Amino acid sequence: MFISVGIGESYNLPNIFKITKLSPNATIPQYQTEQAAGMDLCACIDQSVTLKPLERAMIPTGLAIELEPGYEAQIRARSGLSIKNGLTMVNGIGTIDADYRGDVGILVINLGQEDFVITPGMRIAQMVIAKYERVAWTQVEALGQTERGHGGLGSTGVNN
């Protein structure tokens, strides 16, 4: 099946997932470049939202999605907004599970030093669709040994 992906091109995509607008003002996510992994998500708000430094908010997209089992939607910060303004995700990367059908909310926090204004329709996050694996655990008395062992939290250093 061929579908427009937002950059004026059409690609033969292996998976087509369902999306619905919960609001007439919602914007369907689109890739902004040919090789972009993430589709931009827009704020579906009636009026601007001002975030003070360290303030958090859930910004609706006005969209609900239906993913196939074995897929998740990862909600990520946009790098330009993060480095220039300090706008990032409260939980680092958000996960939208395949069985969730509500509004895809964007959990943002302003880590900048100035107020940040989110305007209606602003592209404030990106969504990456990813496959995942589910696992089962088996409890054991001891784990296999590795060279790293218990080393973590900077144990490999910062220099070459």
C-alpha atoms as a PDB file:
ATOM      1  CA  MET A   1       0.000   0.000   0.000  1.00  0.00           C
ATOM      2  CA  PHE A   2       1.264   3.483  -0.827  1.00  0.00           C
ATOM      3  CA  ILE A   3       0.653   6.430   1.457  1.00  0.00           C
ATOM      4  CA  SER A   4       1.771  10.020   1.701  1.00  0.00           C
ATOM      5  CA  VAL A   5       4.138  10.435   4.626  1.00  0.00           C
ATOM      6  CA  GLY A   6       4.189  14.207   4.785  1.00  0.00           C
ATOM      7  CA  ILE A   7       7.133  15.245   2.659  1.00  0.00           C
ATOM      8  CA  GLY A   8       5.536  15.140  -0.753  1.00  0.00           C
ATOM      9  CA  GLU A   9       6.754  11.607  -1.388  1.00  0.00           C
ATOM     10  CA  SER A  10       5.051   8.234  -1.324  1.00  0.00           C
ATOM     11  CA  TYR A  11       6.697   5.085  -0.033  1.00  0.00           C
ATOM     12  CA  ASN A  12       5.824   1.427  -0.004  1.00  0.00           C
ATOM     13  CA  LEU A  13       5.282   1.020   3.732  1.00  0.00           C
ATOM     14  CA  PRO A  14       5.026  -2.453   5.261  1.00  0.00           C
ATOM     15  CA  ASN A  15       2.666  -1.419   8.050  1.00  0.00           C
ATOM     16  CA  ILE A  16      -0.280   0.925   7.967  1.00  0.00           C
ATOM     17  CA  PHE A  17      -1.709   1.720  11.394  1.00  0.00           C
ATOM     18  CA  LYS A  18      -4.985   3.408  12.255  1.00  0.00           C
ATOM     19  CA  ILE A  19      -5.323   6.939  13.618  1.00  0.00           C
ATOM     20  CA  THR A  20      -8.354   9.030  14.473  1.00  0.00           C
ATOM     21  CA  LYS A  21      -8.830  12.692  15.261  1.00  0.00           C
ATOM     22  CA  LEU A  22     -10.479  13.267  18.627  1.00  0.00           C
ATOM     23  CA  SER A  23     -10.614  16.972  17.787  1.00  0.00           C
ATOM     24  CA  PRO A  24     -11.142  18.679  14.421  1.00  0.00           C
ATOM     25  CA  ASN A  25      -8.072  20.811  15.198  1.00  0.00           C
ATOM     26  CA  ALA A  26      -5.768  17.808  15.552  1.00  0.00           C
ATOM     27  CA  THR A  27      -2.901  17.412  13.092  1.00  0.00           C
ATOM     28  CA  ILE A  28      -2.024  13.972  11.698  1.00  0.00           C
ATOM     29  CA  PRO A  29       1.672  13.282  12.482  1.00  0.00           C
ATOM     30  CA  GLN A  30       4.041  13.598   9.541  1.00  0.00           C
ATOM     31  CA  TYR A  31       7.684  12.922   8.806  1.00  0.00           C
ATOM     32  CA  GLN A  32       9.487  16.174   8.021  1.00  0.00           C
ATOM     33  CA  THR A  33      12.349  14.660   5.989  1.00  0.00           C
ATOM     34  CA  GLU A  34      12.750  11.553   3.818  1.00  0.00           C
ATOM     35  CA  GLN A  35      14.772   9.603   6.362  1.00  0.00           C
ATOM     36  CA  ALA A  36      13.276  10.921   9.596  1.00  0.00           C
ATOM     37  CA  ALA A  37      12.579   8.187  12.157  1.00  0.00           C
ATOM     38  CA  GLY A  38      10.092  10.320  14.066  1.00  0.00           C
ATOM     39  CA  MET A  39       6.860  11.990  13.024  1.00  0.00           C
ATOM     40  CA  ASP A  40       6.197  15.393  14.550  1.00  0.00           C
ATOM     41  CA  LEU A  41       3.334  15.723  17.025  1.00  0.00           C
ATOM     42  CA  CYS A  42       1.435  18.987  17.340  1.00  0.00           C
ATOM     43  CA  ALA A  43      -0.223  20.601  20.328  1.00  0.00           C
ATOM     44  CA  CYS A  44      -4.012  20.373  20.014  1.00  0.00           C
ATOM     45  CA  ILE A  45      -4.937  23.228  22.329  1.00  0.00           C
ATOM     46  CA  ASP A  46      -7.429  26.075  22.003  1.00  0.00           C
ATOM     47  CA  GLN A  47      -5.135  28.692  23.508  1.00  0.00           C
ATOM     48  CA  SER A  48      -1.461  29.076  24.289  1.00  0.00           C
ATOM     49  CA  VAL A  49      -0.005  27.353  27.358  1.00  0.00           C
ATOM     50  CA  THR A  50       2.851  29.041  29.203  1.00  0.00           C
ATOM     51  CA  LEU A  51       5.224  26.790  31.118  1.00  0.00           C
ATOM     52  CA  LYS A  52       7.353  28.436  33.777  1.00  0.00           C
ATOM     53  CA  PRO A  53      10.799  26.953  34.481  1.00  0.00           C
ATOM     54  CA  LEU A  54      10.431  23.416  35.924  1.00  0.00           C
ATOM     55  CA  GLU A  55       6.674  23.436  35.280  1.00  0.00           C
ATOM     56  CA  ARG A  56       5.102  20.286  33.809  1.00  0.00           C
ATOM     57  CA  ALA A  57       1.983  19.793  31.702  1.00  0.00           C
ATOM     58  CA  MET A  58       0.215  17.201  29.602  1.00  0.00           C
ATOM     59  CA  ILE A  59      -0.446  18.681  26.185  1.00  0.00           C
ATOM     60  CA  PRO A  60      -3.078  16.827  24.142  1.00  0.00           C
ATOM     61  CA  THR A  61      -2.534  15.932  20.499  1.00  0.00           C
ATOM     62  CA  GLY A  62      -6.231  15.331  19.836  1.00  0.00           C
ATOM     63  CA  LEU A  63      -5.266  11.973  18.323  1.00  0.00           C
ATOM     64  CA  ALA A  64      -5.844   8.325  19.199  1.00  0.00           C
ATOM     65  CA  ILE A  65      -3.940   5.509  17.507  1.00  0.00           C
ATOM     66  CA  GLU A  66      -4.325   1.769  16.998  1.00  0.00           C
ATOM     67  CA  LEU A  67      -1.054  -0.109  16.753  1.00  0.00           C
ATOM     68  CA  GLU A  68      -0.674  -3.781  15.927  1.00  0.00           C
ATOM     69  CA  PRO A  69       0.418  -6.082  18.776  1.00  0.00           C
ATOM     70  CA  GLY A  70       4.208  -6.070  19.092  1.00  0.00           C
ATOM     71  CA  TYR A  71       4.513  -2.328  18.380  1.00  0.00           C
ATOM     72  CA  GLU A  72       4.728   0.743  20.601  1.00  0.00           C
ATOM     73  CA  ALA A  73       4.750   4.454  19.898  1.00  0.00           C
ATOM     74  CA  GLN A  74       7.645   6.250  21.577  1.00  0.00           C
ATOM     75  CA  ILE A  75       7.019   9.919  22.355  1.00  0.00           C
ATOM     76  CA  ARG A  76      10.295  11.834  22.333  1.00  0.00           C
ATOM     77  CA  ALA A  77      11.477  15.393  22.692  1.00  0.00           C
ATOM     78  CA  ARG A  78      12.349  17.449  19.637  1.00  0.00           C
ATOM     79  CA  SER A  79      16.072  18.131  19.846  1.00  0.00           C
ATOM     80  CA  GLY A  80      15.881  21.777  18.769  1.00  0.00           C
ATOM     81  CA  LEU A  81      13.276  22.666  21.393  1.00  0.00           C
ATOM     82  CA  SER A  82      15.277  20.793  24.021  1.00  0.00           C
ATOM     83  CA  ILE A  83      18.646  22.438  23.421  1.00  0.00           C
ATOM     84  CA  LYS A  84      17.359  25.923  22.596  1.00  0.00           C
ATOM     85  CA  ASN A  85      14.505  26.198  25.099  1.00  0.00           C
ATOM     86  CA  GLY A  86      14.796  23.350  27.599  1.00  0.00           C
ATOM     87  CA  LEU A  87      11.474  21.781  26.560  1.00  0.00           C
ATOM     88  CA  THR A  88      11.675  18.023  27.036  1.00  0.00           C
ATOM     89  CA  MET A  89       9.623  15.040  28.144  1.00  0.00           C
ATOM     90  CA  VAL A  90       8.808  14.550  31.832  1.00  0.00           C
ATOM     91  CA  ASN A  91       9.498  10.811  31.602  1.00  0.00           C
ATOM     92  CA  GLY A  92      12.362  10.905  29.093  1.00  0.00           C
ATOM     93  CA  ILE A  93      10.612   8.825  26.469  1.00  0.00           C
ATOM     94  CA  GLY A  94       6.918   8.087  26.768  1.00  0.00           C
ATOM     95  CA  THR A  95       5.416   4.803  25.628  1.00  0.00           C
ATOM     96  CA  ILE A  96       2.012   4.429  24.008  1.00  0.00           C
ATOM     97  CA  ASP A  97       1.063   0.754  24.217  1.00  0.00           C
ATOM     98  CA  ALA A  98      -0.710  -1.056  21.386  1.00  0.00           C
ATOM     99  CA  ASP A  99      -3.863  -1.508  23.487  1.00  0.00           C
ATOM    100  CA  TYR A 100      -4.218   2.183  24.501  1.00  0.00           C
ATOM    101  CA  ARG A 101      -6.972   4.077  22.667  1.00  0.00           C
ATOM    102  CA  GLY A 102      -7.046   7.456  24.426  1.00  0.00           C
ATOM    103  CA  ASP A 103      -5.564  10.831  23.504  1.00  0.00           C
ATOM    104  CA  VAL A 104      -1.855  10.652  22.800  1.00  0.00           C
ATOM    105  CA  GLY A 105      -0.784  13.154  25.436  1.00  0.00           C
ATOM    106  CA  ILE A 106       2.622  14.810  25.440  1.00  0.00           C
ATOM    107  CA  LEU A 107       4.093  15.042  28.956  1.00  0.00           C
ATOM    108  CA  VAL A 108       6.358  18.093  28.804  1.00  0.00           C
ATOM    109  CA  ILE A 109       8.566  19.917  31.273  1.00  0.00           C
ATOM    110  CA  ASN A 110      10.327  23.239  30.854  1.00  0.00           C
ATOM    111  CA  LEU A 111      13.931  22.764  31.992  1.00  0.00           C
ATOM    112  CA  GLY A 112      14.861  26.162  30.594  1.00  0.00           C
ATOM    113  CA  GLN A 113      15.472  29.327  32.592  1.00  0.00           C
ATOM    114  CA  GLU A 114      12.684  31.299  30.901  1.00  0.00           C
ATOM    115  CA  ASP A 115       8.971  30.789  30.402  1.00  0.00           C
ATOM    116  CA  PHE A 116       8.151  28.700  27.326  1.00  0.00           C
ATOM    117  CA  VAL A 117       4.940  29.290  25.385  1.00  0.00           C
ATOM    118  CA  ILE A 118       3.285  26.392  23.557  1.00  0.00           C
ATOM    119  CA  THR A 119       0.959  27.696  20.880  1.00  0.00           C
ATOM    120  CA  PRO A 120      -1.938  25.871  19.187  1.00  0.00           C
ATOM    121  CA  GLY A 121      -0.633  23.591  16.430  1.00  0.00           C
ATOM    122  CA  MET A 122       3.014  23.896  17.521  1.00  0.00           C
ATOM    123  CA  ARG A 123       5.185  20.858  16.751  1.00  0.00           C
ATOM    124  CA  ILE A 124       6.383  20.011  20.269  1.00  0.00           C
ATOM    125  CA  ALA A 125       7.364  16.327  20.220  1.00  0.00           C
ATOM    126  CA  GLN A 126       8.007  13.440  17.890  1.00  0.00           C
ATOM    127  CA  MET A 127       6.637   9.924  17.709  1.00  0.00           C
ATOM    128  CA  VAL A 128       8.688   6.901  16.690  1.00  0.00           C
ATOM    129  CA  ILE A 129       6.920   3.596  16.019  1.00  0.00           C
ATOM    130  CA  ALA A 130       9.016   0.655  17.215  1.00  0.00           C
ATOM    131  CA  LYS A 131       8.747  -3.124  17.445  1.00  0.00           C
ATOM    132  CA  TYR A 132       9.334  -4.695  20.816  1.00  0.00           C
ATOM    133  CA  GLU A 133       9.739  -8.160  22.301  1.00  0.00           C
ATOM    134  CA  ARG A 134       7.962  -9.534  25.369  1.00  0.00           C
ATOM    135  CA  VAL A 135       9.923 -11.927  27.557  1.00  0.00           C
ATOM    136  CA  ALA A 136       9.414 -14.378  30.385  1.00  0.00           C
ATOM    137  CA  TRP A 137      11.710 -14.522  33.395  1.00  0.00           C
ATOM    138  CA  THR A 138      13.244 -17.563  35.002  1.00  0.00           C
ATOM    139  CA  GLN A 139      14.542 -17.085  38.521  1.00  0.00           C
ATOM    140  CA  VAL A 140      18.061 -18.432  39.092  1.00  0.00           C
ATOM    141  CA  GLU A 141      20.445 -18.538  42.057  1.00  0.00           C
ATOM    142  CA  ALA A 142      23.249 -16.719  40.193  1.00  0.00           C
ATOM    143  CA  LEU A 143      23.747 -14.869  36.919  1.00  0.00           C
ATOM    144  CA  GLY A 144      26.485 -15.571  34.369  1.00  0.00           C
ATOM    145  CA  GLN A 145      29.763 -13.696  34.871  1.00  0.00           C
ATOM    146  CA  THR A 146      30.903 -10.846  32.573  1.00  0.00           C
ATOM    147  CA  GLU A 147      34.010  -8.682  32.433  1.00  0.00           C
ATOM    148  CA  ARG A 148      31.939  -5.681  33.485  1.00  0.00           C
ATOM    149  CA  GLY A 149      30.255  -7.464  36.375  1.00  0.00           C
ATOM    150  CA  HIS A 150      28.625  -5.031  38.810  1.00  0.00           C
ATOM    151  CA  GLY A 151      30.317  -1.983  37.254  1.00  0.00           C
ATOM    152  CA  GLY A 152      27.875   0.729  36.306  1.00  0.00           C
ATOM    153  CA  LEU A 153      27.159   4.435  36.691  1.00  0.00           C
ATOM    154  CA  GLY A 154      30.340   5.651  34.995  1.00  0.00           C
ATOM    155  CA  SER A 155      32.487   2.581  35.644  1.00  0.00           C
ATOM    156  CA  THR A 156      33.904   2.725  32.091  1.00  0.00           C
ATOM    157  CA  GLY A 157      35.100   6.322  32.503  1.00  0.00           C
ATOM    158  CA  VAL A 158      34.799   9.217  30.099  1.00  0.00           C
ATOM    159  CA  ASN A 159      38.166   9.191  28.303  1.00  0.00           C
ATOM    160  CA  ASN A 160      39.382   6.883  25.527  1.00  0.00           C
END
